C-alpha atoms as a PDB file:
ATOM      1  CA  UNK A   1     201.384 142.798  52.129  1.00  0.00           C
ATOM      2  CA  UNK A   2     198.284 144.841  51.722  1.00  0.00           C
ATOM      3  CA  UNK A   3     195.162 143.947  50.168  1.00  0.00           C
ATOM      4  CA  UNK A   4     195.584 146.687  47.310  1.00  0.00           C
ATOM      5  CA  UNK A   5     198.829 144.816  46.652  1.00  0.00           C
ATOM      6  CA  UNK A   6     197.827 141.473  46.323  1.00  0.00           C
ATOM      7  CA  UNK A   7     195.058 142.237  44.074  1.00  0.00           C
ATOM      8  CA  UNK A   8     197.595 143.999  41.773  1.00  0.00           C
ATOM      9  CA  UNK A   9     199.603 140.506  41.771  1.00  0.00           C
ATOM     10  CA  UNK A  10     196.430 138.659  41.504  1.00  0.00           C
ATOM     11  CA  UNK A  11     195.679 140.689  38.142  1.00  0.00           C
ATOM     12  CA  UNK A  12     199.172 140.261  36.748  1.00  0.00           C
ATOM     13  CA  UNK A  13     198.913 136.483  37.549  1.00  0.00           C
ATOM     14  CA  UNK A  14     195.530 136.230  35.615  1.00  0.00           C
ATOM     15  CA  UNK A  15     196.737 138.131  32.715  1.00  0.00           C
ATOM     16  CA  UNK A  16     199.774 135.922  32.606  1.00  0.00           C
ATOM     17  CA  UNK A  17     197.589 133.016  33.158  1.00  0.00           C
ATOM     18  CA  UNK A  18     195.325 134.266  30.048  1.00  0.00           C
ATOM     19  CA  UNK A  19     198.412 134.650  27.831  1.00  0.00           C
ATOM     20  CA  UNK A  20     199.483 131.092  28.830  1.00  0.00           C
ATOM     21  CA  UNK A  21     196.101 129.620  27.937  1.00  0.00           C
ATOM     22  CA  UNK A  22     196.126 131.682  24.414  1.00  0.00           C
ATOM     23  CA  UNK A  23     199.557 130.152  23.744  1.00  0.00           C
ATOM     24  CA  UNK A  24     198.467 126.675  24.862  1.00  0.00           C
ATOM     25  CA  UNK A  25     195.337 126.449  22.897  1.00  0.00           C
ATOM     26  CA  UNK A  26     197.047 128.050  19.954  1.00  0.00           C
ATOM     27  CA  UNK A  27     194.546 130.557  19.424  1.00  0.00           C
ATOM     28  CA  UNK A  28     196.756 132.907  17.771  1.00  0.00           C
ATOM     29  CA  UNK A  29     198.619 130.287  15.487  1.00  0.00           C
ATOM     30  CA  UNK A  30     201.429 127.719  16.284  1.00  0.00           C
ATOM     31  CA  UNK A  31     204.877 128.128  16.708  1.00  0.00           C
ATOM     32  CA  UNK A  32     205.922 128.454  13.213  1.00  0.00           C
ATOM     33  CA  UNK A  33     203.431 131.678  12.828  1.00  0.00           C
ATOM     34  CA  UNK A  34     205.445 132.879  16.140  1.00  0.00           C
ATOM     35  CA  UNK A  35     202.663 135.196  17.223  1.00  0.00           C
ATOM     36  CA  UNK A  36     204.489 135.679  20.430  1.00  0.00           C
ATOM     37  CA  UNK A  37     207.413 137.511  18.375  1.00  0.00           C
ATOM     38  CA  UNK A  38     204.584 139.373  16.231  1.00  0.00           C
ATOM     39  CA  UNK A  39     202.856 140.916  19.216  1.00  0.00           C
ATOM     40  CA  UNK A  40     206.451 141.604  20.862  1.00  0.00           C
ATOM     41  CA  UNK A  41     207.505 143.269  17.614  1.00  0.00           C
ATOM     42  CA  UNK A  42     204.209 145.407  17.837  1.00  0.00           C
ATOM     43  CA  UNK A  43     204.943 146.289  21.623  1.00  0.00           C
ATOM     44  CA  UNK A  44     208.543 147.040  20.955  1.00  0.00           C
ATOM     45  CA  UNK A  45     207.782 149.134  17.738  1.00  0.00           C
ATOM     46  CA  UNK A  46     204.665 150.779  18.265  1.00  0.00           C
ATOM     47  CA  UNK A  47     203.478 150.717  21.876  1.00  0.00           C
ATOM     48  CA  UNK A  48     206.437 151.247  23.925  1.00  0.00           C
ATOM     49  CA  UNK A  49     207.940 153.968  21.745  1.00  0.00           C
ATOM     50  CA  UNK A  50     204.648 156.119  22.457  1.00  0.00           C
ATOM     51  CA  UNK A  51     205.043 155.384  26.314  1.00  0.00           C
ATOM     52  CA  UNK A  52     208.759 156.638  26.461  1.00  0.00           C
ATOM     53  CA  UNK A  53     208.399 159.709  24.225  1.00  0.00           C
ATOM     54  CA  UNK A  54     205.532 160.771  26.511  1.00  0.00           C
ATOM     55  CA  UNK A  55     206.971 159.860  29.673  1.00  0.00           C
ATOM     56  CA  UNK A  56     210.451 161.854  28.858  1.00  0.00           C
ATOM     57  CA  UNK A  57     208.617 164.583  27.249  1.00  0.00           C
ATOM     58  CA  UNK A  58     206.809 165.325  30.652  1.00  0.00           C
ATOM     59  CA  UNK A  59     209.915 165.123  32.881  1.00  0.00           C
ATOM     60  CA  UNK A  60     210.446 167.947  35.045  1.00  0.00           C
ATOM     61  CA  UNK A  61     214.192 167.826  34.964  1.00  0.00           C
ATOM     62  CA  UNK A  62     214.660 170.777  37.129  1.00  0.00           C
ATOM     63  CA  UNK A  63     212.847 169.350  40.121  1.00  0.00           C
ATOM     64  CA  UNK A  64     214.827 165.942  39.859  1.00  0.00           C
ATOM     65  CA  UNK A  65     216.579 164.835  42.993  1.00  0.00           C
ATOM     66  CA  UNK A  66     220.082 164.135  41.823  1.00  0.00           C
ATOM     67  CA  UNK A  67     221.513 163.050  44.955  1.00  0.00           C
ATOM     68  CA  UNK A  68     219.007 160.221  45.474  1.00  0.00           C
ATOM     69  CA  UNK A  69     218.979 159.313  41.714  1.00  0.00           C
ATOM     70  CA  UNK A  70     222.707 158.731  41.790  1.00  0.00           C
ATOM     71  CA  UNK A  71     222.346 156.828  44.915  1.00  0.00           C
ATOM     72  CA  UNK A  72     219.961 154.422  43.088  1.00  0.00           C
ATOM     73  CA  UNK A  73     221.399 154.358  39.576  1.00  0.00           C
ATOM     74  CA  UNK A  74     225.109 154.226  40.087  1.00  0.00           C
ATOM     75  CA  UNK A  75     225.001 150.815  41.994  1.00  0.00           C
ATOM     76  CA  UNK A  76     222.232 149.573  39.575  1.00  0.00           C
ATOM     77  CA  UNK A  77     224.172 150.413  36.420  1.00  0.00           C
ATOM     78  CA  UNK A  78     227.239 148.955  38.302  1.00  0.00           C
ATOM     79  CA  UNK A  79     225.784 145.470  38.798  1.00  0.00           C
ATOM     80  CA  UNK A  80     224.324 145.639  35.267  1.00  0.00           C
ATOM     81  CA  UNK A  81     227.847 146.299  33.619  1.00  0.00           C
ATOM     82  CA  UNK A  82     229.440 143.807  36.012  1.00  0.00           C
ATOM     83  CA  UNK A  83     226.888 141.030  34.775  1.00  0.00           C
ATOM     84  CA  UNK A  84     227.499 142.095  31.191  1.00  0.00           C
ATOM     85  CA  UNK A  85     231.218 141.858  31.406  1.00  0.00           C
ATOM     86  CA  UNK A  86     231.132 138.539  33.075  1.00  0.00           C
ATOM     87  CA  UNK A  87     228.716 137.019  30.680  1.00  0.00           C
ATOM     88  CA  UNK A  88     230.474 138.559  27.779  1.00  0.00           C
ATOM     89  CA  UNK A  89     233.756 136.914  28.918  1.00  0.00           C
ATOM     90  CA  UNK A  90     231.991 133.775  29.253  1.00  0.00           C
ATOM     91  CA  UNK A  91     229.579 133.519  26.250  1.00  0.00           C
ATOM     92  CA  UNK A  92     231.693 131.649  23.860  1.00  0.00           C
ATOM     93  CA  UNK A  93     232.759 129.096  26.616  1.00  0.00           C
ATOM     94  CA  UNK A  94     228.764 128.605  27.083  1.00  0.00           C
ATOM     95  CA  UNK A  95     227.991 128.688  23.294  1.00  0.00           C
ATOM     96  CA  UNK A  96     225.476 131.413  23.707  1.00  0.00           C
ATOM     97  CA  UNK A  97     224.095 133.915  21.267  1.00  0.00           C
ATOM     98  CA  UNK A  98     225.936 137.403  21.015  1.00  0.00           C
ATOM     99  CA  UNK A  99     223.123 139.243  22.635  1.00  0.00           C
ATOM    100  CA  UNK A 100     222.925 136.956  25.417  1.00  0.00           C
ATOM    101  CA  UNK A 101     225.173 139.051  27.878  1.00  0.00           C
ATOM    102  CA  UNK A 102     223.037 142.108  27.394  1.00  0.00           C
ATOM    103  CA  UNK A 103     220.026 140.257  27.923  1.00  0.00           C
ATOM    104  CA  UNK A 104     221.096 138.605  31.215  1.00  0.00           C
ATOM    105  CA  UNK A 105     222.343 142.087  32.223  1.00  0.00           C
ATOM    106  CA  UNK A 106     218.881 143.566  31.688  1.00  0.00           C
ATOM    107  CA  UNK A 107     217.198 140.783  33.571  1.00  0.00           C
ATOM    108  CA  UNK A 108     219.290 141.549  36.603  1.00  0.00           C
ATOM    109  CA  UNK A 109     218.936 145.046  36.543  1.00  0.00           C
ATOM    110  CA  UNK A 110     215.500 146.236  34.989  1.00  0.00           C
ATOM    111  CA  UNK A 111     212.776 145.978  37.584  1.00  0.00           C
ATOM    112  CA  UNK A 112     209.065 145.994  37.190  1.00  0.00           C
ATOM    113  CA  UNK A 113     208.675 149.684  38.409  1.00  0.00           C
ATOM    114  CA  UNK A 114     205.168 150.363  36.971  1.00  0.00           C
ATOM    115  CA  UNK A 115     202.526 147.257  37.434  1.00  0.00           C
ATOM    116  CA  UNK A 116     204.283 146.365  40.679  1.00  0.00           C
ATOM    117  CA  UNK A 117     206.441 149.292  41.805  1.00  0.00           C
ATOM    118  CA  UNK A 118     203.614 152.129  41.908  1.00  0.00           C
ATOM    119  CA  UNK A 119     200.990 149.894  43.903  1.00  0.00           C
ATOM    120  CA  UNK A 120     203.743 148.779  46.203  1.00  0.00           C
ATOM    121  CA  UNK A 121     205.423 152.261  46.866  1.00  0.00           C
ATOM    122  CA  UNK A 122     201.820 153.710  47.383  1.00  0.00           C
ATOM    123  CA  UNK A 123     201.002 150.860  49.984  1.00  0.00           C
ATOM    124  CA  UNK A 124     204.466 151.097  51.703  1.00  0.00           C
ATOM    125  CA  UNK A 125     205.092 154.708  51.764  1.00  0.00           C
ATOM    126  CA  UNK A 126     202.096 156.676  51.124  1.00  0.00           C
ATOM    127  CA  UNK A 127     202.008 159.651  48.808  1.00  0.00           C
ATOM    128  CA  UNK A 128     205.371 161.016  49.471  1.00  0.00           C
ATOM    129  CA  UNK A 129     207.047 157.933  48.807  1.00  0.00           C
ATOM    130  CA  UNK A 130     205.150 157.102  45.741  1.00  0.00           C
ATOM    131  CA  UNK A 131     206.406 160.621  44.486  1.00  0.00           C
ATOM    132  CA  UNK A 132     209.883 159.638  44.896  1.00  0.00           C
ATOM    133  CA  UNK A 133     209.134 156.367  43.127  1.00  0.00           C
ATOM    134  CA  UNK A 134     207.716 158.025  40.188  1.00  0.00           C
ATOM    135  CA  UNK A 135     210.847 160.077  40.163  1.00  0.00           C
ATOM    136  CA  UNK A 136     213.171 157.084  39.789  1.00  0.00           C
ATOM    137  CA  UNK A 137     210.393 155.458  37.356  1.00  0.00           C
ATOM    138  CA  UNK A 138     210.824 158.692  34.788  1.00  0.00           C
ATOM    139  CA  UNK A 139     214.524 157.779  34.211  1.00  0.00           C
ATOM    140  CA  UNK A 140     214.218 154.206  34.591  1.00  0.00           C
ATOM    141  CA  UNK A 141     213.916 153.114  30.952  1.00  0.00           C
ATOM    142  CA  UNK A 142     215.832 155.981  29.716  1.00  0.00           C
ATOM    143  CA  UNK A 143     219.082 155.172  31.589  1.00  0.00           C
ATOM    144  CA  UNK A 144     218.912 151.587  31.573  1.00  0.00           C
ATOM    145  CA  UNK A 145     217.450 150.486  28.215  1.00  0.00           C
ATOM    146  CA  UNK A 146     219.715 153.166  26.643  1.00  0.00           C
ATOM    147  CA  UNK A 147     222.617 151.812  27.946  1.00  0.00           C
ATOM    148  CA  UNK A 148     221.804 148.147  27.130  1.00  0.00           C
ATOM    149  CA  UNK A 149     220.942 148.998  23.386  1.00  0.00           C
ATOM    150  CA  UNK A 150     224.376 150.683  23.110  1.00  0.00           C
ATOM    151  CA  UNK A 151     226.151 147.555  24.634  1.00  0.00           C
ATOM    152  CA  UNK A 152     224.064 144.784  22.571  1.00  0.00           C
ATOM    153  CA  UNK A 153     224.425 146.886  19.439  1.00  0.00           C
ATOM    154  CA  UNK A 154     228.351 147.119  19.953  1.00  0.00           C
ATOM    155  CA  UNK A 155     228.371 143.620  20.613  1.00  0.00           C
ATOM    156  CA  UNK A 156     226.426 142.686  17.476  1.00  0.00           C
ATOM    157  CA  UNK A 157     228.526 145.222  15.478  1.00  0.00           C
ATOM    158  CA  UNK A 158     231.738 143.519  16.729  1.00  0.00           C
ATOM    159  CA  UNK A 159     230.485 140.173  15.810  1.00  0.00           C
ATOM    160  CA  UNK A 160     229.684 141.169  12.331  1.00  0.00           C
ATOM    161  CA  UNK A 161     232.982 143.117  11.763  1.00  0.00           C
ATOM    162  CA  UNK A 162     234.759 139.332  13.138  1.00  0.00           C
ATOM    163  CA  UNK A 163     232.623 137.320  10.736  1.00  0.00           C
ATOM    164  CA  UNK A 164     232.834 139.741   7.528  1.00  0.00           C
ATOM    165  CA  UNK A 165     235.992 140.365   5.302  1.00  0.00           C
ATOM    166  CA  UNK A 166     235.991 143.939   5.773  1.00  0.00           C
ATOM    167  CA  UNK A 167     239.628 145.351   5.721  1.00  0.00           C
ATOM    168  CA  UNK A 168     241.339 146.222   9.000  1.00  0.00           C
ATOM    169  CA  UNK A 169     242.299 149.689  10.176  1.00  0.00           C
ATOM    170  CA  UNK A 170     241.110 153.103  10.920  1.00  0.00           C
ATOM    171  CA  UNK A 171     238.425 153.053   7.957  1.00  0.00           C
ATOM    172  CA  UNK A 172     236.961 149.668   9.192  1.00  0.00           C
ATOM    173  CA  UNK A 173     237.141 151.005  12.677  1.00  0.00           C
ATOM    174  CA  UNK A 174     234.926 154.033  11.932  1.00  0.00           C
ATOM    175  CA  UNK A 175     232.362 152.073   9.875  1.00  0.00           C
ATOM    176  CA  UNK A 176     232.033 149.691  12.916  1.00  0.00           C
ATOM    177  CA  UNK A 177     231.568 152.907  15.183  1.00  0.00           C
ATOM    178  CA  UNK A 178     229.262 154.684  12.723  1.00  0.00           C
ATOM    179  CA  UNK A 179     227.057 151.316  12.203  1.00  0.00           C
ATOM    180  CA  UNK A 180     226.766 150.991  16.009  1.00  0.00           C
ATOM    181  CA  UNK A 181     226.007 154.872  16.583  1.00  0.00           C
ATOM    182  CA  UNK A 182     223.385 154.576  13.774  1.00  0.00           C
ATOM    183  CA  UNK A 183     221.694 151.215  15.211  1.00  0.00           C
ATOM    184  CA  UNK A 184     221.646 152.377  18.886  1.00  0.00           C
ATOM    185  CA  UNK A 185     220.090 155.735  17.950  1.00  0.00           C
ATOM    186  CA  UNK A 186     217.776 154.714  15.195  1.00  0.00           C
ATOM    187  CA  UNK A 187     216.295 152.075  17.743  1.00  0.00           C
ATOM    188  CA  UNK A 188     212.421 151.918  19.019  1.00  0.00           C
ATOM    189  CA  UNK A 189     213.771 152.512  22.607  1.00  0.00           C
ATOM    190  CA  UNK A 190     216.416 155.229  22.254  1.00  0.00           C
ATOM    191  CA  UNK A 191     214.835 157.252  19.703  1.00  0.00           C
ATOM    192  CA  UNK A 192     211.585 157.935  21.172  1.00  0.00           C
ATOM    193  CA  UNK A 193     213.490 158.715  24.454  1.00  0.00           C
ATOM    194  CA  UNK A 194     215.999 161.400  22.725  1.00  0.00           C
ATOM    195  CA  UNK A 195     212.762 162.794  20.916  1.00  0.00           C
ATOM    196  CA  UNK A 196     211.107 163.153  24.223  1.00  0.00           C
ATOM    197  CA  UNK A 197     213.791 164.889  25.630  1.00  0.00           C
ATOM    198  CA  UNK A 198     214.214 167.174  22.962  1.00  0.00           C
ATOM    199  CA  UNK A 199     210.602 168.067  23.120  1.00  0.00           C
ATOM    200  CA  UNK A 200     210.975 168.532  26.816  1.00  0.00           C
ATOM    201  CA  UNK A 201     213.990 171.054  26.337  1.00  0.00           C
ATOM    202  CA  UNK A 202     211.705 173.307  24.061  1.00  0.00           C
ATOM    203  CA  UNK A 203     209.119 173.761  27.221  1.00  0.00           C
ATOM    204  CA  UNK A 204     206.149 173.020  24.624  1.00  0.00           C
ATOM    205  CA  UNK A 205     203.549 171.415  26.139  1.00  0.00           C
ATOM    206  CA  UNK A 206     202.151 167.988  24.211  1.00  0.00           C
ATOM    207  CA  UNK A 207     199.243 168.985  22.350  1.00  0.00           C
ATOM    208  CA  UNK A 208     196.133 167.366  23.557  1.00  0.00           C
ATOM    209  CA  UNK A 209     194.947 165.515  20.633  1.00  0.00           C
ATOM    210  CA  UNK A 210     198.557 164.191  20.289  1.00  0.00           C
ATOM    211  CA  UNK A 211     198.868 163.463  23.858  1.00  0.00           C
ATOM    212  CA  UNK A 212     195.667 161.130  23.878  1.00  0.00           C
ATOM    213  CA  UNK A 213     197.411 159.243  20.943  1.00  0.00           C
ATOM    214  CA  UNK A 214     200.225 158.425  23.032  1.00  0.00           C
ATOM    215  CA  UNK A 215     198.279 157.823  26.040  1.00  0.00           C
ATOM    216  CA  UNK A 216     196.230 155.391  24.484  1.00  0.00           C
ATOM    217  CA  UNK A 217     199.231 153.577  22.743  1.00  0.00           C
ATOM    218  CA  UNK A 218     201.167 153.587  25.821  1.00  0.00           C
ATOM    219  CA  UNK A 219     198.249 151.874  27.877  1.00  0.00           C
ATOM    220  CA  UNK A 220     198.671 148.827  25.702  1.00  0.00           C
ATOM    221  CA  UNK A 221     202.305 147.989  26.928  1.00  0.00           C
ATOM    222  CA  UNK A 222     201.505 146.557  30.532  1.00  0.00           C
ATOM    223  CA  UNK A 223     198.677 144.125  29.508  1.00  0.00           C
ATOM    224  CA  UNK A 224     200.332 142.928  26.369  1.00  0.00           C
ATOM    225  CA  UNK A 225     203.564 142.502  27.751  1.00  0.00           C
ATOM    226  CA  UNK A 226     201.913 140.304  30.769  1.00  0.00           C
ATOM    227  CA  UNK A 227     199.953 138.305  27.994  1.00  0.00           C
ATOM    228  CA  UNK A 228     203.611 137.869  26.121  1.00  0.00           C
ATOM    229  CA  UNK A 229     205.096 136.173  29.524  1.00  0.00           C
ATOM    230  CA  UNK A 230     202.147 133.623  29.464  1.00  0.00           C
ATOM    231  CA  UNK A 231     202.488 132.861  25.813  1.00  0.00           C
ATOM    232  CA  UNK A 232     206.216 132.412  25.960  1.00  0.00           C
ATOM    233  CA  UNK A 233     205.797 130.164  28.883  1.00  0.00           C
ATOM    234  CA  UNK A 234     203.567 128.023  26.725  1.00  0.00           C
ATOM    235  CA  UNK A 235     205.507 128.119  23.706  1.00  0.00           C
ATOM    236  CA  UNK A 236     209.106 127.894  24.980  1.00  0.00           C
ATOM    237  CA  UNK A 237     208.513 126.224  28.624  1.00  0.00           C
ATOM    238  CA  UNK A 238     210.844 126.722  31.416  1.00  0.00           C
ATOM    239  CA  UNK A 239     214.709 126.189  30.656  1.00  0.00           C
ATOM    240  CA  UNK A 240     216.210 123.168  31.736  1.00  0.00           C
ATOM    241  CA  UNK A 241     217.944 123.167  33.648  1.00  0.00           C
ATOM    242  CA  UNK A 242     216.661 126.355  35.821  1.00  0.00           C
ATOM    243  CA  UNK A 243     219.874 127.333  37.504  1.00  0.00           C
ATOM    244  CA  UNK A 244     220.677 130.332  35.396  1.00  0.00           C
ATOM    245  CA  UNK A 245     217.386 131.707  35.958  1.00  0.00           C
ATOM    246  CA  UNK A 246     217.482 131.469  39.821  1.00  0.00           C
ATOM    247  CA  UNK A 247     220.791 133.062  39.576  1.00  0.00           C
ATOM    248  CA  UNK A 248     219.397 135.848  37.879  1.00  0.00           C
ATOM    249  CA  UNK A 249     216.473 135.965  40.086  1.00  0.00           C
ATOM    250  CA  UNK A 250     218.755 135.857  43.379  1.00  0.00           C
ATOM    251  CA  UNK A 251     221.041 138.814  41.743  1.00  0.00           C
ATOM    252  CA  UNK A 252     217.758 141.040  41.031  1.00  0.00           C
ATOM    253  CA  UNK A 253     215.944 140.315  44.217  1.00  0.00           C
ATOM    254  CA  UNK A 254     219.071 140.097  46.826  1.00  0.00           C
ATOM    255  CA  UNK A 255     222.333 141.405  45.285  1.00  0.00           C
ATOM    256  CA  UNK A 256     220.819 144.633  43.580  1.00  0.00           C
ATOM    257  CA  UNK A 257     219.040 145.894  46.588  1.00  0.00           C
ATOM    258  CA  UNK A 258     222.004 145.112  48.865  1.00  0.00           C
ATOM    259  CA  UNK A 259     224.022 147.198  46.729  1.00  0.00           C
ATOM    260  CA  UNK A 260     221.745 150.114  46.644  1.00  0.00           C
ATOM    261  CA  UNK A 261     221.202 149.690  50.400  1.00  0.00           C
ATOM    262  CA  UNK A 262     225.103 150.088  50.948  1.00  0.00           C
ATOM    263  CA  UNK A 263     225.675 152.596  48.384  1.00  0.00           C
ATOM    264  CA  UNK A 264     222.721 154.895  49.544  1.00  0.00           C
ATOM    265  CA  UNK A 265     223.471 154.823  53.040  1.00  0.00           C
ATOM    266  CA  UNK A 266     227.440 154.760  53.417  1.00  0.00           C
ATOM    267  CA  UNK A 267     228.082 156.575  50.077  1.00  0.00           C
ATOM    268  CA  UNK A 268     225.751 158.988  49.408  1.00  0.00           C
ATOM    269  CA  UNK A 269     224.525 159.614  53.091  1.00  0.00           C
ATOM    270  CA  UNK A 270     220.724 158.596  52.439  1.00  0.00           C
ATOM    271  CA  UNK A 271     218.291 157.659  55.260  1.00  0.00           C
ATOM    272  CA  UNK A 272     214.522 157.587  55.893  1.00  0.00           C
ATOM    273  CA  UNK A 273     212.026 157.667  52.941  1.00  0.00           C
ATOM    274  CA  UNK A 274     214.487 158.214  50.245  1.00  0.00           C
ATOM    275  CA  UNK A 275     216.590 155.442  51.127  1.00  0.00           C
ATOM    276  CA  UNK A 276     213.599 152.940  51.850  1.00  0.00           C
ATOM    277  CA  UNK A 277     212.259 153.936  48.232  1.00  0.00           C
ATOM    278  CA  UNK A 278     215.559 153.431  46.471  1.00  0.00           C
ATOM    279  CA  UNK A 279     215.909 149.889  48.013  1.00  0.00           C
ATOM    280  CA  UNK A 280     212.346 148.658  47.645  1.00  0.00           C
ATOM    281  CA  UNK A 281     212.472 149.925  43.933  1.00  0.00           C
ATOM    282  CA  UNK A 282     215.657 147.876  43.528  1.00  0.00           C
ATOM    283  CA  UNK A 283     214.077 144.949  44.951  1.00  0.00           C
ATOM    284  CA  UNK A 284     211.079 144.769  42.635  1.00  0.00           C
ATOM    285  CA  UNK A 285     211.039 141.695  40.278  1.00  0.00           C
ATOM    286  CA  UNK A 286     212.305 141.420  36.829  1.00  0.00           C
ATOM    287  CA  UNK A 287     210.170 143.751  34.517  1.00  0.00           C
ATOM    288  CA  UNK A 288     208.537 142.533  31.310  1.00  0.00           C
ATOM    289  CA  UNK A 289     210.705 144.992  29.298  1.00  0.00           C
ATOM    290  CA  UNK A 290     213.409 142.329  29.640  1.00  0.00           C
ATOM    291  CA  UNK A 291     211.146 139.823  27.788  1.00  0.00           C
ATOM    292  CA  UNK A 292     210.930 142.183  25.059  1.00  0.00           C
ATOM    293  CA  UNK A 293     214.648 142.746  24.764  1.00  0.00           C
ATOM    294  CA  UNK A 294     215.054 138.941  24.446  1.00  0.00           C
ATOM    295  CA  UNK A 295     212.679 138.598  21.965  1.00  0.00           C
ATOM    296  CA  UNK A 296     213.972 141.566  19.992  1.00  0.00           C
ATOM    297  CA  UNK A 297     217.468 140.219  19.830  1.00  0.00           C
ATOM    298  CA  UNK A 298     216.488 136.387  20.055  1.00  0.00           C
ATOM    299  CA  UNK A 299     218.586 135.551  23.170  1.00  0.00           C
ATOM    300  CA  UNK A 300     217.585 133.797  26.374  1.00  0.00           C
ATOM    301  CA  UNK A 301     213.861 134.236  25.936  1.00  0.00           C
ATOM    302  CA  UNK A 302     212.734 130.910  28.120  1.00  0.00           C
ATOM    303  CA  UNK A 303     215.550 132.022  30.599  1.00  0.00           C
ATOM    304  CA  UNK A 304     214.222 135.397  30.808  1.00  0.00           C
ATOM    305  CA  UNK A 305     210.506 134.215  30.942  1.00  0.00           C
ATOM    306  CA  UNK A 306     211.489 131.919  33.925  1.00  0.00           C
ATOM    307  CA  UNK A 307     213.370 134.906  35.915  1.00  0.00           C
ATOM    308  CA  UNK A 308     210.260 137.288  35.523  1.00  0.00           C
ATOM    309  CA  UNK A 309     207.804 134.715  37.040  1.00  0.00           C
ATOM    310  CA  UNK A 310     210.472 133.215  39.601  1.00  0.00           C
ATOM    311  CA  UNK A 311     211.107 136.764  40.820  1.00  0.00           C
ATOM    312  CA  UNK A 312     207.715 137.716  41.082  1.00  0.00           C
ATOM    313  CA  UNK A 313     206.904 134.968  42.949  1.00  0.00           C
ATOM    314  CA  UNK A 314     209.727 135.593  45.476  1.00  0.00           C
ATOM    315  CA  UNK A 315     208.241 139.193  46.203  1.00  0.00           C
ATOM    316  CA  UNK A 316     206.198 137.459  48.974  1.00  0.00           C
ATOM    317  CA  UNK A 317     209.401 136.909  50.721  1.00  0.00           C
ATOM    318  CA  UNK A 318     211.500 139.647  49.444  1.00  0.00           C
ATOM    319  CA  UNK A 319     209.189 142.744  50.635  1.00  0.00           C
ATOM    320  CA  UNK A 320     209.082 141.704  54.439  1.00  0.00           C
ATOM    321  CA  UNK A 321     212.845 140.840  54.204  1.00  0.00           C
ATOM    322  CA  UNK A 322     213.773 144.382  52.954  1.00  0.00           C
ATOM    323  CA  UNK A 323     211.227 145.994  55.092  1.00  0.00           C
ATOM    324  CA  UNK A 324     213.010 144.284  57.974  1.00  0.00           C
ATOM    325  CA  UNK A 325     216.467 145.456  57.033  1.00  0.00           C
ATOM    326  CA  UNK A 326     215.274 148.892  56.643  1.00  0.00           C
ATOM    327  CA  UNK A 327     213.646 149.249  59.933  1.00  0.00           C
ATOM    328  CA  UNK A 328     215.763 151.437  62.308  1.00  0.00           C
END
């Protein structure tokens, strides 16, 4: 591990620790005031949409390496859907909330591609590798968050339909589909992505004044999310038992990069730098957006927090392991 990456990890731990101290000392209020959820809503409804819009509006769609993107996103989406489907089948038996399957699916699939991923790619692969990594990052939230939002909103709509007294048949099915579609599109993750893509297609540059506002708002996402992880630890503690968080961590740090390596090498024929970047991207620890998602839908918050902490700590062992696997 390089010194630059170590300092990045140390800074993240320090900010998480600050959030834990703020929560432990109740500087922003106690659990009844629920300051962590207030801050999470601010991140979800104000800061993250600005970041997502600005990112998607600036993507160079014509220059994207679609072969490499397929090699990464197809196996990642596959494991995400597999976890969602398995957890959905097991949800009632475990007495979990309706949104739990999608929350566990995002925990397994969504990596910390910015705070840790960018310095890691730069340290390991240089400027060329960083460019490929940023290409994956540009579609990371667009693909995964959009799909997971659709899945969780569909689950919630089905649950409401089962509990309600709406008449059965084609009319009720249409209402269900219409409500799911509306909640998916008019959403603080999906809507700014769609608007950003629409702006991108026009070819217009973002006006400088508007770009400065978006950049300022987007810059708040990373420190706010790290602070929220610490506050969630202080308010919620670690779940007991820890085996679900450990299982999610193992899936994220071992199973997902293994699947990407196999698919990239033997299905899509990747080798060298593109394959290395894809595998290391898949081996990143759980991203803080997973906690925002869990808090948004009030499902598995303590478990997601624990998985973020455990997977981040395990990066020290995961990086040498996957570099050894990737060595010719």
